[in-house]
Amino acid sequence: MRFHKLRIAWSVLFVIACVLLIVLWVRSYQWADGVSGTCGRYGIAFHVINGELMFTRILPTEGIQGVGPWHVVHIPMTRSFTEQIEANRNRVHSFRGLGIRWGSHGEGWQLAGTLFWPTLFVVGLAAVPWMSPSKRFWLRTLLIATTLVAVVLGLIVWAAGN
């Protein structure tokens, strides 16, 4: 049991990160939180709105809130603000699949996805130190891997049909 305390500390750190992501996820239905500013000649914005994490890069002439110095934004989710978000979402030409969408608008682009994926990733990181590498091959491992491949392929076919 080498590094047992380090494994526990690692797992506690990522469980706390997972809980914070879930709190942010729930909060995103009441508040729009984000950070925006400029990077070079482009405006950059990271927002969490309605359970989605969005990254947007546009030319500053298109006008995003916060062009200039970096600042944090907290906006309550009112009906008019939600309608504005939906109008902007419909304006973006995008591809949707598995809760992830990306698209371009004017001179910029946007990448958005549900907070489910980062939360799942953080949960996976919490479990990593407890997985012991085995040199032996087990039938159980083959069955689990085959099931995971089937689920992923099924999700791809389902997303392509929508």
N, C-alpha and C. Protein backbone atom coordinates (compact mmCIF):
# COMPACT_ATOMS: atom_id res chain seq x y z
N MET A 1 0.82 -1.19 0.00
CA MET A 1 0.00 0.00 0.00
C MET A 1 0.87 1.25 0.00
N ARG A 2 1.73 1.37 -0.99
CA ARG A 2 2.55 2.57 -1.11
C ARG A 2 1.68 3.74 -1.51
N PHE A 3 1.99 4.89 -1.01
CA PHE A 3 1.32 6.14 -1.37
C PHE A 3 -0.17 6.12 -1.05
N HIS A 4 -0.58 5.42 -0.01
CA HIS A 4 -1.99 5.32 0.34
C HIS A 4 -2.58 6.70 0.67
N LYS A 5 -1.85 7.51 1.44
CA LYS A 5 -2.35 8.84 1.79
C LYS A 5 -2.42 9.75 0.57
N LEU A 6 -1.48 9.58 -0.35
CA LEU A 6 -1.52 10.38 -1.57
C LEU A 6 -2.72 10.00 -2.43
N ARG A 7 -3.06 8.72 -2.48
CA ARG A 7 -4.26 8.29 -3.21
C ARG A 7 -5.51 8.90 -2.61
N ILE A 8 -5.59 8.90 -1.30
CA ILE A 8 -6.76 9.47 -0.63
C ILE A 8 -6.84 10.97 -0.90
N ALA A 9 -5.71 11.67 -0.80
CA ALA A 9 -5.69 13.11 -1.04
C ALA A 9 -6.11 13.42 -2.48
N TRP A 10 -5.61 12.65 -3.43
CA TRP A 10 -5.97 12.82 -4.84
C TRP A 10 -7.48 12.65 -5.02
N SER A 11 -8.03 11.60 -4.46
CA SER A 11 -9.46 11.34 -4.61
C SER A 11 -10.31 12.41 -3.94
N VAL A 12 -9.90 12.85 -2.76
CA VAL A 12 -10.65 13.91 -2.06
C VAL A 12 -10.62 15.19 -2.88
N LEU A 13 -9.47 15.53 -3.46
CA LEU A 13 -9.36 16.73 -4.28
C LEU A 13 -10.34 16.68 -5.45
N PHE A 14 -10.39 15.55 -6.16
CA PHE A 14 -11.25 15.48 -7.33
C PHE A 14 -12.73 15.27 -6.97
N VAL A 15 -13.02 14.70 -5.82
CA VAL A 15 -14.41 14.62 -5.38
C VAL A 15 -14.92 16.02 -5.04
N ILE A 16 -14.07 16.84 -4.41
CA ILE A 16 -14.45 18.23 -4.13
C ILE A 16 -14.65 18.99 -5.44
N ALA A 17 -13.77 18.78 -6.42
CA ALA A 17 -13.94 19.41 -7.73
C ALA A 17 -15.24 18.97 -8.39
N CYS A 18 -15.59 17.70 -8.24
CA CYS A 18 -16.84 17.18 -8.80
C CYS A 18 -18.04 17.84 -8.15
N VAL A 19 -18.02 17.98 -6.84
CA VAL A 19 -19.13 18.62 -6.13
C VAL A 19 -19.25 20.08 -6.56
N LEU A 20 -18.13 20.78 -6.72
CA LEU A 20 -18.16 22.16 -7.16
C LEU A 20 -18.72 22.28 -8.58
N LEU A 21 -18.38 21.34 -9.45
CA LEU A 21 -18.94 21.34 -10.81
C LEU A 21 -20.45 21.12 -10.78
N ILE A 22 -20.91 20.24 -9.92
CA ILE A 22 -22.35 19.99 -9.81
C ILE A 22 -23.06 21.23 -9.27
N VAL A 23 -22.46 21.92 -8.29
CA VAL A 23 -23.04 23.16 -7.76
C VAL A 23 -23.10 24.22 -8.87
N LEU A 24 -22.03 24.34 -9.65
CA LEU A 24 -22.02 25.28 -10.77
C LEU A 24 -23.09 24.92 -11.80
N TRP A 25 -23.26 23.64 -12.04
CA TRP A 25 -24.26 23.14 -12.99
C TRP A 25 -25.67 23.55 -12.54
N VAL A 26 -25.99 23.32 -11.27
CA VAL A 26 -27.30 23.68 -10.75
C VAL A 26 -27.48 25.20 -10.75
N ARG A 27 -26.44 25.93 -10.35
CA ARG A 27 -26.50 27.39 -10.31
C ARG A 27 -26.72 27.98 -11.70
N SER A 28 -26.25 27.31 -12.74
CA SER A 28 -26.32 27.87 -14.09
C SER A 28 -27.75 28.03 -14.60
N TYR A 29 -28.72 27.41 -13.94
CA TYR A 29 -30.11 27.58 -14.35
C TYR A 29 -30.75 28.82 -13.71
N GLN A 30 -30.05 29.42 -12.74
CA GLN A 30 -30.53 30.64 -12.09
C GLN A 30 -29.66 31.85 -12.43
N TRP A 31 -28.39 31.62 -12.67
CA TRP A 31 -27.43 32.69 -12.94
C TRP A 31 -26.57 32.32 -14.13
N ALA A 32 -26.23 33.30 -14.94
CA ALA A 32 -25.27 33.13 -16.03
C ALA A 32 -23.94 33.67 -15.53
N ASP A 33 -22.97 32.79 -15.37
CA ASP A 33 -21.65 33.18 -14.88
C ASP A 33 -20.66 33.08 -16.03
N GLY A 34 -19.68 33.97 -16.03
CA GLY A 34 -18.70 33.90 -17.09
C GLY A 34 -17.52 34.82 -16.86
N VAL A 35 -16.53 34.64 -17.72
CA VAL A 35 -15.35 35.46 -17.75
C VAL A 35 -15.15 35.84 -19.21
N SER A 36 -14.90 37.13 -19.47
CA SER A 36 -14.70 37.55 -20.84
C SER A 36 -13.66 38.65 -20.91
N GLY A 37 -13.08 38.79 -22.08
CA GLY A 37 -12.05 39.80 -22.32
C GLY A 37 -11.45 39.61 -23.69
N THR A 38 -10.26 40.14 -23.89
CA THR A 38 -9.61 40.02 -25.19
C THR A 38 -8.33 39.23 -25.06
N CYS A 39 -7.99 38.59 -26.17
CA CYS A 39 -6.74 37.85 -26.28
C CYS A 39 -6.25 38.09 -27.71
N GLY A 40 -5.26 38.96 -27.85
CA GLY A 40 -4.84 39.34 -29.19
C GLY A 40 -5.89 40.22 -29.83
N ARG A 41 -6.26 39.91 -31.06
CA ARG A 41 -7.28 40.73 -31.73
C ARG A 41 -8.69 40.16 -31.56
N TYR A 42 -8.83 39.05 -30.84
CA TYR A 42 -10.13 38.40 -30.66
C TYR A 42 -10.68 38.64 -29.27
N GLY A 43 -12.00 38.61 -29.19
CA GLY A 43 -12.67 38.61 -27.90
C GLY A 43 -12.89 37.16 -27.49
N ILE A 44 -12.62 36.84 -26.25
CA ILE A 44 -12.74 35.48 -25.73
C ILE A 44 -13.75 35.52 -24.58
N ALA A 45 -14.63 34.52 -24.53
CA ALA A 45 -15.59 34.45 -23.43
C ALA A 45 -15.80 33.01 -23.02
N PHE A 46 -15.80 32.77 -21.72
CA PHE A 46 -16.17 31.49 -21.13
C PHE A 46 -17.42 31.75 -20.30
N HIS A 47 -18.51 31.02 -20.59
CA HIS A 47 -19.76 31.22 -19.85
C HIS A 47 -20.35 29.87 -19.46
N VAL A 48 -21.07 29.87 -18.36
CA VAL A 48 -21.85 28.71 -17.93
C VAL A 48 -23.30 29.18 -17.87
N ILE A 49 -24.12 28.67 -18.81
CA ILE A 49 -25.50 29.10 -18.93
C ILE A 49 -26.38 27.88 -19.18
N ASN A 50 -27.45 27.74 -18.41
CA ASN A 50 -28.42 26.65 -18.59
C ASN A 50 -27.76 25.27 -18.70
N GLY A 51 -26.82 25.00 -17.83
CA GLY A 51 -26.18 23.69 -17.80
C GLY A 51 -25.14 23.47 -18.87
N GLU A 52 -24.78 24.50 -19.61
CA GLU A 52 -23.78 24.39 -20.66
C GLU A 52 -22.56 25.23 -20.34
N LEU A 53 -21.40 24.69 -20.67
CA LEU A 53 -20.15 25.42 -20.59
C LEU A 53 -19.84 25.86 -22.01
N MET A 54 -19.70 27.19 -22.23
CA MET A 54 -19.50 27.72 -23.58
C MET A 54 -18.18 28.46 -23.67
N PHE A 55 -17.48 28.22 -24.77
CA PHE A 55 -16.27 28.97 -25.10
C PHE A 55 -16.54 29.65 -26.43
N THR A 56 -16.38 30.98 -26.46
CA THR A 56 -16.67 31.76 -27.66
C THR A 56 -15.45 32.59 -28.01
N ARG A 57 -15.12 32.61 -29.31
CA ARG A 57 -14.06 33.49 -29.81
C ARG A 57 -14.63 34.27 -30.98
N ILE A 58 -14.63 35.60 -30.86
CA ILE A 58 -15.16 36.45 -31.92
C ILE A 58 -14.29 37.69 -32.07
N LEU A 59 -14.48 38.37 -33.19
CA LEU A 59 -13.80 39.65 -33.36
C LEU A 59 -14.46 40.67 -32.44
N PRO A 60 -13.69 41.54 -31.82
CA PRO A 60 -14.28 42.52 -30.90
C PRO A 60 -15.30 43.43 -31.57
N THR A 61 -15.23 43.60 -32.88
CA THR A 61 -16.19 44.47 -33.55
C THR A 61 -17.60 43.88 -33.52
N GLU A 62 -17.71 42.54 -33.33
CA GLU A 62 -19.03 41.93 -33.24
C GLU A 62 -19.69 42.24 -31.91
N GLY A 63 -18.91 42.66 -30.95
CA GLY A 63 -19.46 43.12 -29.68
C GLY A 63 -19.84 42.00 -28.73
N ILE A 64 -18.95 41.69 -27.82
CA ILE A 64 -19.30 40.80 -26.72
C ILE A 64 -19.17 41.61 -25.45
N GLN A 65 -19.89 41.22 -24.46
CA GLN A 65 -19.81 41.92 -23.19
C GLN A 65 -18.43 41.67 -22.60
N GLY A 66 -17.74 42.74 -22.28
CA GLY A 66 -16.46 42.59 -21.63
C GLY A 66 -15.28 42.69 -22.55
N VAL A 67 -15.44 43.20 -23.79
CA VAL A 67 -14.28 43.39 -24.64
C VAL A 67 -13.41 44.44 -23.99
N GLY A 68 -12.16 44.15 -23.88
CA GLY A 68 -11.24 45.02 -23.16
C GLY A 68 -10.60 44.21 -22.06
N PRO A 69 -10.43 44.81 -20.89
CA PRO A 69 -9.81 44.04 -19.81
C PRO A 69 -10.71 42.89 -19.37
N TRP A 70 -10.09 41.87 -18.86
CA TRP A 70 -10.83 40.68 -18.42
C TRP A 70 -11.69 41.01 -17.21
N HIS A 71 -12.90 40.49 -17.19
CA HIS A 71 -13.74 40.66 -16.03
C HIS A 71 -14.73 39.51 -15.91
N VAL A 72 -15.29 39.38 -14.72
CA VAL A 72 -16.24 38.31 -14.39
C VAL A 72 -17.65 38.84 -14.52
N VAL A 73 -18.55 38.01 -15.05
CA VAL A 73 -19.94 38.41 -15.28
C VAL A 73 -20.86 37.50 -14.49
N HIS A 74 -21.83 38.07 -13.78
CA HIS A 74 -22.90 37.32 -13.11
C HIS A 74 -24.21 37.99 -13.50
N ILE A 75 -25.03 37.29 -14.27
CA ILE A 75 -26.30 37.85 -14.75
C ILE A 75 -27.42 36.92 -14.32
N PRO A 76 -28.47 37.45 -13.68
CA PRO A 76 -29.60 36.59 -13.32
C PRO A 76 -30.33 36.12 -14.58
N MET A 77 -30.83 34.90 -14.55
CA MET A 77 -31.51 34.31 -15.70
C MET A 77 -32.96 34.77 -15.72
N THR A 78 -33.21 35.90 -16.35
CA THR A 78 -34.57 36.40 -16.51
C THR A 78 -35.15 35.84 -17.79
N ARG A 79 -36.44 36.01 -17.98
CA ARG A 79 -37.10 35.49 -19.19
C ARG A 79 -36.51 36.15 -20.45
N SER A 80 -36.30 37.46 -20.42
CA SER A 80 -35.78 38.15 -21.60
C SER A 80 -34.35 37.72 -21.91
N PHE A 81 -33.54 37.50 -20.87
CA PHE A 81 -32.17 37.06 -21.09
C PHE A 81 -32.15 35.64 -21.67
N THR A 82 -33.03 34.78 -21.18
CA THR A 82 -33.12 33.41 -21.71
C THR A 82 -33.56 33.43 -23.16
N GLU A 83 -34.51 34.29 -23.52
CA GLU A 83 -34.94 34.40 -24.92
C GLU A 83 -33.82 34.90 -25.81
N GLN A 84 -33.01 35.83 -25.30
CA GLN A 84 -31.87 36.34 -26.05
C GLN A 84 -30.84 35.24 -26.28
N ILE A 85 -30.61 34.41 -25.28
CA ILE A 85 -29.67 33.29 -25.42
C ILE A 85 -30.16 32.32 -26.49
N GLU A 86 -31.45 32.00 -26.46
CA GLU A 86 -32.01 31.09 -27.45
C GLU A 86 -31.93 31.67 -28.85
N ALA A 87 -32.15 32.98 -29.00
CA ALA A 87 -32.04 33.62 -30.31
C ALA A 87 -30.61 33.54 -30.82
N ASN A 88 -29.63 33.78 -29.95
CA ASN A 88 -28.22 33.67 -30.35
C ASN A 88 -27.86 32.23 -30.68
N ARG A 89 -28.41 31.28 -29.94
CA ARG A 89 -28.13 29.86 -30.18
C ARG A 89 -28.68 29.44 -31.55
N ASN A 90 -29.86 29.95 -31.91
CA ASN A 90 -30.44 29.62 -33.21
C ASN A 90 -29.71 30.30 -34.36
N ARG A 91 -29.04 31.40 -34.07
CA ARG A 91 -28.30 32.13 -35.10
C ARG A 91 -27.01 31.40 -35.47
N VAL A 92 -26.46 30.64 -34.55
CA VAL A 92 -25.21 29.93 -34.78
C VAL A 92 -25.48 28.68 -35.60
N HIS A 93 -24.77 28.53 -36.71
CA HIS A 93 -24.86 27.30 -37.48
C HIS A 93 -24.04 26.26 -36.73
N SER A 94 -24.67 25.18 -36.33
CA SER A 94 -23.96 24.26 -35.45
C SER A 94 -24.31 22.82 -35.76
N PHE A 95 -23.49 21.95 -35.20
CA PHE A 95 -23.70 20.51 -35.21
C PHE A 95 -23.89 20.09 -33.77
N ARG A 96 -24.96 19.34 -33.51
CA ARG A 96 -25.22 18.89 -32.14
C ARG A 96 -25.07 17.38 -32.08
N GLY A 97 -24.50 16.91 -31.02
CA GLY A 97 -24.39 15.49 -30.79
C GLY A 97 -23.83 15.22 -29.41
N LEU A 98 -24.47 14.35 -28.70
CA LEU A 98 -24.04 13.94 -27.36
C LEU A 98 -23.89 15.12 -26.41
N GLY A 99 -24.74 16.14 -26.58
CA GLY A 99 -24.70 17.29 -25.69
C GLY A 99 -23.59 18.26 -25.99
N ILE A 100 -22.94 18.11 -27.14
CA ILE A 100 -21.85 19.00 -27.53
C ILE A 100 -22.26 19.68 -28.83
N ARG A 101 -22.05 20.99 -28.91
CA ARG A 101 -22.34 21.68 -30.16
C ARG A 101 -21.22 22.67 -30.45
N TRP A 102 -20.97 22.86 -31.71
CA TRP A 102 -19.99 23.85 -32.11
C TRP A 102 -20.47 24.45 -33.41
N GLY A 103 -20.05 25.64 -33.68
CA GLY A 103 -20.47 26.30 -34.89
C GLY A 103 -19.76 27.62 -35.06
N SER A 104 -19.99 28.22 -36.21
CA SER A 104 -19.35 29.50 -36.51
C SER A 104 -20.43 30.56 -36.67
N HIS A 105 -20.03 31.78 -36.40
CA HIS A 105 -20.92 32.92 -36.61
C HIS A 105 -20.05 34.11 -36.95
N GLY A 106 -20.26 34.67 -38.11
CA GLY A 106 -19.45 35.81 -38.53
C GLY A 106 -17.98 35.44 -38.61
N GLU A 107 -17.16 36.18 -37.91
CA GLU A 107 -15.72 35.95 -37.89
C GLU A 107 -15.26 35.13 -36.69
N GLY A 108 -16.17 34.50 -36.00
CA GLY A 108 -15.80 33.75 -34.80
C GLY A 108 -16.43 32.38 -34.77
N TRP A 109 -16.26 31.71 -33.66
CA TRP A 109 -16.83 30.37 -33.48
C TRP A 109 -17.15 30.16 -32.02
N GLN A 110 -17.95 29.12 -31.78
CA GLN A 110 -18.37 28.81 -30.41
C GLN A 110 -18.34 27.30 -30.21
N LEU A 111 -17.88 26.88 -29.05
CA LEU A 111 -17.88 25.48 -28.64
C LEU A 111 -18.63 25.41 -27.32
N ALA A 112 -19.63 24.54 -27.25
CA ALA A 112 -20.43 24.43 -26.03
C ALA A 112 -20.73 22.97 -25.75
N GLY A 113 -20.87 22.65 -24.50
CA GLY A 113 -21.22 21.29 -24.11
C GLY A 113 -21.82 21.28 -22.72
N THR A 114 -22.59 20.25 -22.46
CA THR A 114 -23.19 20.16 -21.14
C THR A 114 -22.11 19.94 -20.09
N LEU A 115 -22.40 20.32 -18.87
CA LEU A 115 -21.43 20.14 -17.78
C LEU A 115 -21.33 18.68 -17.35
N PHE A 116 -22.12 17.80 -17.98
CA PHE A 116 -22.03 16.38 -17.69
C PHE A 116 -20.65 15.84 -18.02
N TRP A 117 -20.09 16.24 -19.16
CA TRP A 117 -18.79 15.69 -19.60
C TRP A 117 -17.63 16.08 -18.70
N PRO A 118 -17.46 17.37 -18.32
CA PRO A 118 -16.38 17.67 -17.37
C PRO A 118 -16.57 16.99 -16.01
N THR A 119 -17.84 16.87 -15.57
CA THR A 119 -18.10 16.20 -14.30
C THR A 119 -17.72 14.73 -14.37
N LEU A 120 -18.07 14.08 -15.46
CA LEU A 120 -17.70 12.67 -15.65
C LEU A 120 -16.18 12.51 -15.71
N PHE A 121 -15.51 13.43 -16.36
CA PHE A 121 -14.05 13.39 -16.45
C PHE A 121 -13.41 13.52 -15.07
N VAL A 122 -13.92 14.43 -14.25
CA VAL A 122 -13.38 14.64 -12.90
C VAL A 122 -13.62 13.41 -12.04
N VAL A 123 -14.79 12.78 -12.18
CA VAL A 123 -15.06 11.54 -11.44
C VAL A 123 -14.06 10.46 -11.85
N GLY A 124 -13.77 10.39 -13.14
CA GLY A 124 -12.77 9.42 -13.62
C GLY A 124 -11.39 9.70 -13.04
N LEU A 125 -11.02 10.98 -12.95
CA LEU A 125 -9.73 11.32 -12.35
C LEU A 125 -9.67 10.94 -10.88
N ALA A 126 -10.80 11.03 -10.17
CA ALA A 126 -10.82 10.64 -8.76
C ALA A 126 -10.58 9.14 -8.60
N ALA A 127 -10.99 8.35 -9.59
CA ALA A 127 -10.86 6.90 -9.49
C ALA A 127 -9.52 6.38 -9.99
N VAL A 128 -8.77 7.18 -10.73
CA VAL A 128 -7.53 6.71 -11.35
C VAL A 128 -6.53 6.10 -10.36
N PRO A 129 -6.23 6.71 -9.20
CA PRO A 129 -5.20 6.12 -8.34
C PRO A 129 -5.60 4.77 -7.74
N TRP A 130 -6.87 4.42 -7.77
CA TRP A 130 -7.31 3.17 -7.17
C TRP A 130 -7.31 2.02 -8.18
N MET A 131 -7.02 2.32 -9.43
CA MET A 131 -6.95 1.26 -10.43
C MET A 131 -5.53 0.69 -10.44
N SER A 132 -5.44 -0.58 -10.21
CA SER A 132 -4.11 -1.18 -10.21
C SER A 132 -3.86 -1.81 -11.57
N PRO A 133 -2.70 -1.51 -12.15
CA PRO A 133 -2.40 -2.11 -13.45
C PRO A 133 -2.14 -3.60 -13.29
N SER A 134 -2.84 -4.39 -14.03
CA SER A 134 -2.68 -5.83 -13.94
C SER A 134 -1.99 -6.34 -15.20
N LYS A 135 -1.12 -7.27 -15.01
CA LYS A 135 -0.40 -7.86 -16.13
C LYS A 135 -1.17 -9.03 -16.73
N ARG A 136 -2.25 -9.44 -16.06
CA ARG A 136 -3.01 -10.59 -16.52
C ARG A 136 -4.25 -10.13 -17.26
N PHE A 137 -4.64 -10.92 -18.24
CA PHE A 137 -5.85 -10.65 -19.00
C PHE A 137 -6.98 -11.47 -18.40
N TRP A 138 -8.14 -10.83 -18.18
CA TRP A 138 -9.28 -11.51 -17.63
C TRP A 138 -10.45 -11.44 -18.61
N LEU A 139 -11.27 -12.47 -18.61
CA LEU A 139 -12.46 -12.47 -19.44
C LEU A 139 -13.40 -11.34 -19.03
N ARG A 140 -13.47 -11.05 -17.74
CA ARG A 140 -14.31 -9.96 -17.25
C ARG A 140 -13.89 -8.64 -17.89
N THR A 141 -12.59 -8.41 -18.04
CA THR A 141 -12.09 -7.19 -18.67
C THR A 141 -12.56 -7.11 -20.12
N LEU A 142 -12.50 -8.23 -20.82
CA LEU A 142 -12.96 -8.26 -22.21
C LEU A 142 -14.45 -7.94 -22.30
N LEU A 143 -15.26 -8.50 -21.41
CA LEU A 143 -16.70 -8.25 -21.44
C LEU A 143 -17.02 -6.79 -21.13
N ILE A 144 -16.32 -6.20 -20.17
CA ILE A 144 -16.54 -4.79 -19.84
C ILE A 144 -16.15 -3.91 -21.01
N ALA A 145 -14.99 -4.18 -21.62
CA ALA A 145 -14.54 -3.38 -22.76
C ALA A 145 -15.50 -3.50 -23.93
N THR A 146 -15.99 -4.71 -24.20
CA THR A 146 -16.94 -4.91 -25.29
C THR A 146 -18.24 -4.16 -25.03
N THR A 147 -18.72 -4.17 -23.79
CA THR A 147 -19.93 -3.45 -23.44
C THR A 147 -19.74 -1.95 -23.62
N LEU A 148 -18.60 -1.41 -23.18
CA LEU A 148 -18.35 0.01 -23.34
C LEU A 148 -18.27 0.42 -24.80
N VAL A 149 -17.62 -0.40 -25.63
CA VAL A 149 -17.56 -0.11 -27.07
C VAL A 149 -18.96 -0.13 -27.67
N ALA A 150 -19.79 -1.09 -27.28
CA ALA A 150 -21.16 -1.16 -27.79
C ALA A 150 -21.97 0.06 -27.38
N VAL A 151 -21.81 0.51 -26.14
CA VAL A 151 -22.54 1.70 -25.68
C VAL A 151 -22.10 2.94 -26.45
N VAL A 152 -20.81 3.10 -26.65
CA VAL A 152 -20.30 4.26 -27.39
C VAL A 152 -20.80 4.23 -28.83
N LEU A 153 -20.75 3.08 -29.47
CA LEU A 153 -21.23 2.99 -30.85
C LEU A 153 -22.74 3.26 -30.91
N GLY A 154 -23.49 2.77 -29.94
CA GLY A 154 -24.92 3.04 -29.89
C GLY A 154 -25.21 4.53 -29.73
N LEU A 155 -24.44 5.22 -28.88
CA LEU A 155 -24.63 6.66 -28.70
C LEU A 155 -24.30 7.42 -30.00
N ILE A 156 -23.28 6.97 -30.71
CA ILE A 156 -22.92 7.62 -31.98
C ILE A 156 -24.05 7.45 -33.00
N VAL A 157 -24.60 6.25 -33.10
CA VAL A 157 -25.70 6.01 -34.03
C VAL A 157 -26.93 6.82 -33.62
N TRP A 158 -27.20 6.88 -32.32
CA TRP A 158 -28.34 7.65 -31.83
C TRP A 158 -28.16 9.13 -32.14
N ALA A 159 -26.94 9.66 -31.93
CA ALA A 159 -26.68 11.09 -32.19
C ALA A 159 -26.77 11.39 -33.68
N ALA A 160 -26.34 10.48 -34.52
CA ALA A 160 -26.40 10.70 -35.97
C ALA A 160 -27.84 10.72 -36.46
N GLY A 161 -28.74 9.98 -35.78
CA GLY A 161 -30.14 9.94 -36.18
C GLY A 161 -30.92 11.17 -35.77
N ASN A 162 -30.41 11.95 -34.79
CA ASN A 162 -31.14 13.14 -34.32
C ASN A 162 -30.79 14.34 -35.13
